[in-house]
Amino acid sequence: MNTIYRSGKLKISVYADHAPPHFHVRTPEGDSTVDLQALTVTAGGANRKLLAEAIAWALDNRELLWDEWRKLNGD
């Protein structure tokens, strides 16, 4: 697991994980996964406000997330 971003109670991580490419959002209320291609929530119960913050951050840092996914999981 590589933590890519932290802000307060929000943590964004990329794992050596299964397809499709995604990242994990961890909040005190729960965790969610977000598809890297569409930036849509695919599973979980993270705090909605913090999840929206994570997706907004991901929009601005998509290349970083993709680079980390490829580093850990290959093309």
N, C-alpha and C. Protein backbone atom coordinates (compact mmCIF):
# COMPACT_ATOMS: atom_id res chain seq x y z
N MET A 1 0.84 -1.18 0.00
CA MET A 1 0.00 0.00 0.00
C MET A 1 0.88 1.24 0.00
N ASN A 2 0.56 2.16 -0.86
CA ASN A 2 1.26 3.43 -0.90
C ASN A 2 0.25 4.54 -0.64
N THR A 3 0.47 5.27 0.43
CA THR A 3 -0.37 6.43 0.70
C THR A 3 0.10 7.56 -0.19
N ILE A 4 -0.81 8.09 -0.97
CA ILE A 4 -0.51 9.13 -1.94
C ILE A 4 -0.84 10.51 -1.39
N TYR A 5 -1.88 10.59 -0.54
CA TYR A 5 -2.36 11.89 -0.07
C TYR A 5 -3.01 11.72 1.30
N ARG A 6 -2.77 12.68 2.17
CA ARG A 6 -3.43 12.77 3.48
C ARG A 6 -3.87 14.20 3.72
N SER A 7 -5.06 14.33 4.27
CA SER A 7 -5.56 15.64 4.66
C SER A 7 -6.55 15.44 5.79
N GLY A 8 -6.16 15.83 6.98
CA GLY A 8 -7.05 15.65 8.12
C GLY A 8 -7.40 14.18 8.30
N LYS A 9 -8.69 13.87 8.19
CA LYS A 9 -9.18 12.51 8.40
C LYS A 9 -9.29 11.71 7.10
N LEU A 10 -8.75 12.24 6.02
CA LEU A 10 -8.83 11.62 4.70
C LEU A 10 -7.48 11.05 4.30
N LYS A 11 -7.50 9.82 3.75
CA LYS A 11 -6.28 9.20 3.26
C LYS A 11 -6.60 8.53 1.92
N ILE A 12 -5.74 8.78 0.91
CA ILE A 12 -5.87 8.16 -0.40
C ILE A 12 -4.67 7.26 -0.61
N SER A 13 -4.94 6.00 -0.99
CA SER A 13 -3.88 5.02 -1.18
C SER A 13 -4.09 4.24 -2.47
N VAL A 14 -2.98 3.72 -3.00
CA VAL A 14 -3.00 2.81 -4.13
C VAL A 14 -2.29 1.54 -3.68
N TYR A 15 -2.88 0.39 -3.99
CA TYR A 15 -2.32 -0.90 -3.60
C TYR A 15 -1.87 -1.68 -4.82
N ALA A 16 -1.00 -2.66 -4.60
CA ALA A 16 -0.77 -3.70 -5.59
C ALA A 16 -2.02 -4.57 -5.46
N ASP A 17 -2.92 -4.44 -6.42
CA ASP A 17 -4.30 -4.89 -6.23
C ASP A 17 -4.86 -5.47 -7.52
N HIS A 18 -6.10 -5.81 -7.49
CA HIS A 18 -6.82 -6.39 -8.62
C HIS A 18 -7.31 -5.31 -9.58
N ALA A 19 -7.59 -5.71 -10.82
CA ALA A 19 -8.19 -4.81 -11.80
C ALA A 19 -9.68 -4.66 -11.47
N PRO A 20 -10.32 -3.62 -11.94
CA PRO A 20 -9.84 -2.51 -12.75
C PRO A 20 -9.03 -1.53 -11.89
N PRO A 21 -8.23 -0.69 -12.55
CA PRO A 21 -7.43 0.29 -11.81
C PRO A 21 -8.31 1.18 -10.91
N HIS A 22 -7.89 1.32 -9.67
CA HIS A 22 -8.67 2.10 -8.70
C HIS A 22 -7.76 2.57 -7.57
N PHE A 23 -8.30 3.44 -6.74
CA PHE A 23 -7.59 3.85 -5.53
C PHE A 23 -8.56 3.72 -4.36
N HIS A 24 -7.98 3.75 -3.17
CA HIS A 24 -8.75 3.56 -1.94
C HIS A 24 -8.82 4.88 -1.17
N VAL A 25 -9.99 5.17 -0.66
CA VAL A 25 -10.21 6.36 0.16
C VAL A 25 -10.59 5.87 1.55
N ARG A 26 -9.81 6.27 2.55
CA ARG A 26 -10.07 5.86 3.92
C ARG A 26 -10.47 7.09 4.74
N THR A 27 -11.59 6.95 5.45
CA THR A 27 -12.06 7.97 6.37
C THR A 27 -12.43 7.27 7.68
N PRO A 28 -12.61 7.99 8.77
CA PRO A 28 -12.99 7.33 10.03
C PRO A 28 -14.31 6.56 9.92
N GLU A 29 -15.21 7.00 9.04
CA GLU A 29 -16.52 6.35 8.92
C GLU A 29 -16.49 5.10 8.04
N GLY A 30 -15.42 4.91 7.27
CA GLY A 30 -15.32 3.74 6.41
C GLY A 30 -14.39 3.99 5.24
N ASP A 31 -14.28 2.97 4.41
CA ASP A 31 -13.40 3.01 3.25
C ASP A 31 -14.21 2.86 1.98
N SER A 32 -13.70 3.41 0.88
CA SER A 32 -14.32 3.27 -0.43
C SER A 32 -13.24 3.04 -1.47
N THR A 33 -13.64 2.47 -2.60
CA THR A 33 -12.75 2.39 -3.75
C THR A 33 -13.32 3.25 -4.86
N VAL A 34 -12.42 3.87 -5.63
CA VAL A 34 -12.82 4.78 -6.70
C VAL A 34 -12.11 4.34 -7.97
N ASP A 35 -12.88 4.13 -9.03
CA ASP A 35 -12.34 3.74 -10.33
C ASP A 35 -11.47 4.88 -10.88
N LEU A 36 -10.26 4.54 -11.33
CA LEU A 36 -9.34 5.56 -11.84
C LEU A 36 -9.78 6.14 -13.18
N GLN A 37 -10.39 5.34 -14.01
CA GLN A 37 -10.80 5.81 -15.33
C GLN A 37 -11.94 6.82 -15.23
N ALA A 38 -13.00 6.44 -14.54
CA ALA A 38 -14.22 7.26 -14.50
C ALA A 38 -14.29 8.15 -13.26
N LEU A 39 -13.43 7.89 -12.28
CA LEU A 39 -13.48 8.58 -10.98
C LEU A 39 -14.86 8.47 -10.34
N THR A 40 -15.39 7.24 -10.39
CA THR A 40 -16.67 6.94 -9.76
C THR A 40 -16.43 5.95 -8.62
N VAL A 41 -17.25 6.06 -7.59
CA VAL A 41 -17.15 5.17 -6.44
C VAL A 41 -17.67 3.80 -6.84
N THR A 42 -16.89 2.78 -6.58
CA THR A 42 -17.29 1.42 -6.94
C THR A 42 -17.70 0.59 -5.73
N ALA A 43 -17.28 0.99 -4.54
CA ALA A 43 -17.64 0.24 -3.34
C ALA A 43 -17.30 1.04 -2.10
N GLY A 44 -17.97 0.70 -1.00
CA GLY A 44 -17.57 1.21 0.29
C GLY A 44 -18.49 2.23 0.91
N GLY A 45 -18.05 2.70 2.09
CA GLY A 45 -18.88 3.60 2.88
C GLY A 45 -18.12 4.75 3.49
N ALA A 46 -17.19 5.32 2.74
CA ALA A 46 -16.45 6.48 3.25
C ALA A 46 -17.39 7.67 3.43
N ASN A 47 -17.03 8.55 4.32
CA ASN A 47 -17.76 9.79 4.54
C ASN A 47 -17.94 10.53 3.22
N ARG A 48 -19.18 10.89 2.89
CA ARG A 48 -19.48 11.49 1.58
C ARG A 48 -18.74 12.80 1.33
N LYS A 49 -18.66 13.64 2.33
CA LYS A 49 -17.98 14.93 2.16
C LYS A 49 -16.48 14.70 1.89
N LEU A 50 -15.87 13.81 2.66
CA LEU A 50 -14.45 13.53 2.46
C LEU A 50 -14.22 12.77 1.15
N LEU A 51 -15.17 11.94 0.76
CA LEU A 51 -15.06 11.24 -0.51
C LEU A 51 -15.11 12.23 -1.67
N ALA A 52 -15.97 13.22 -1.59
CA ALA A 52 -16.03 14.26 -2.61
C ALA A 52 -14.71 15.03 -2.66
N GLU A 53 -14.13 15.30 -1.50
CA GLU A 53 -12.82 15.97 -1.45
C GLU A 53 -11.75 15.10 -2.13
N ALA A 54 -11.80 13.80 -1.88
CA ALA A 54 -10.83 12.88 -2.47
C ALA A 54 -10.96 12.86 -3.99
N ILE A 55 -12.17 12.82 -4.50
CA ILE A 55 -12.38 12.79 -5.94
C ILE A 55 -11.94 14.11 -6.57
N ALA A 56 -12.20 15.22 -5.92
CA ALA A 56 -11.74 16.52 -6.42
C ALA A 56 -10.21 16.55 -6.47
N TRP A 57 -9.56 16.02 -5.44
CA TRP A 57 -8.10 15.95 -5.44
C TRP A 57 -7.63 15.05 -6.58
N ALA A 58 -8.30 13.92 -6.77
CA ALA A 58 -7.92 12.97 -7.82
C ALA A 58 -8.03 13.59 -9.21
N LEU A 59 -9.02 14.43 -9.42
CA LEU A 59 -9.15 15.12 -10.72
C LEU A 59 -7.90 15.93 -11.04
N ASP A 60 -7.34 16.57 -10.04
CA ASP A 60 -6.15 17.39 -10.23
C ASP A 60 -4.85 16.58 -10.22
N ASN A 61 -4.92 15.32 -9.77
CA ASN A 61 -3.72 14.51 -9.59
C ASN A 61 -3.85 13.14 -10.25
N ARG A 62 -4.64 13.08 -11.28
CA ARG A 62 -4.92 11.81 -11.96
C ARG A 62 -3.64 11.14 -12.47
N GLU A 63 -2.74 11.93 -13.05
CA GLU A 63 -1.51 11.36 -13.59
C GLU A 63 -0.68 10.70 -12.50
N LEU A 64 -0.59 11.32 -11.34
CA LEU A 64 0.13 10.74 -10.21
C LEU A 64 -0.48 9.41 -9.79
N LEU A 65 -1.81 9.35 -9.71
CA LEU A 65 -2.49 8.12 -9.34
C LEU A 65 -2.25 7.01 -10.37
N TRP A 66 -2.34 7.36 -11.66
CA TRP A 66 -2.09 6.38 -12.71
C TRP A 66 -0.64 5.89 -12.66
N ASP A 67 0.31 6.78 -12.45
CA ASP A 67 1.71 6.39 -12.37
C ASP A 67 1.93 5.41 -11.21
N GLU A 68 1.31 5.69 -10.08
CA GLU A 68 1.46 4.81 -8.93
C GLU A 68 0.80 3.45 -9.19
N TRP A 69 -0.38 3.45 -9.81
CA TRP A 69 -1.06 2.19 -10.15
C TRP A 69 -0.15 1.34 -11.05
N ARG A 70 0.39 1.96 -12.09
CA ARG A 70 1.25 1.23 -13.03
C ARG A 70 2.52 0.72 -12.36
N LYS A 71 3.09 1.52 -11.48
CA LYS A 71 4.30 1.10 -10.76
C LYS A 71 4.03 -0.15 -9.94
N LEU A 72 2.88 -0.20 -9.28
CA LEU A 72 2.55 -1.32 -8.41
C LEU A 72 1.91 -2.50 -9.13
N ASN A 73 1.23 -2.25 -10.24
CA ASN A 73 0.41 -3.29 -10.87
C ASN A 73 0.77 -3.56 -12.32
N GLY A 74 1.69 -2.82 -12.89
CA GLY A 74 2.02 -3.00 -14.30
C GLY A 74 1.00 -2.27 -15.17
N ASP A 75 1.21 -2.37 -16.49
CA ASP A 75 0.29 -1.69 -17.40
C ASP A 75 -0.96 -2.47 -17.47
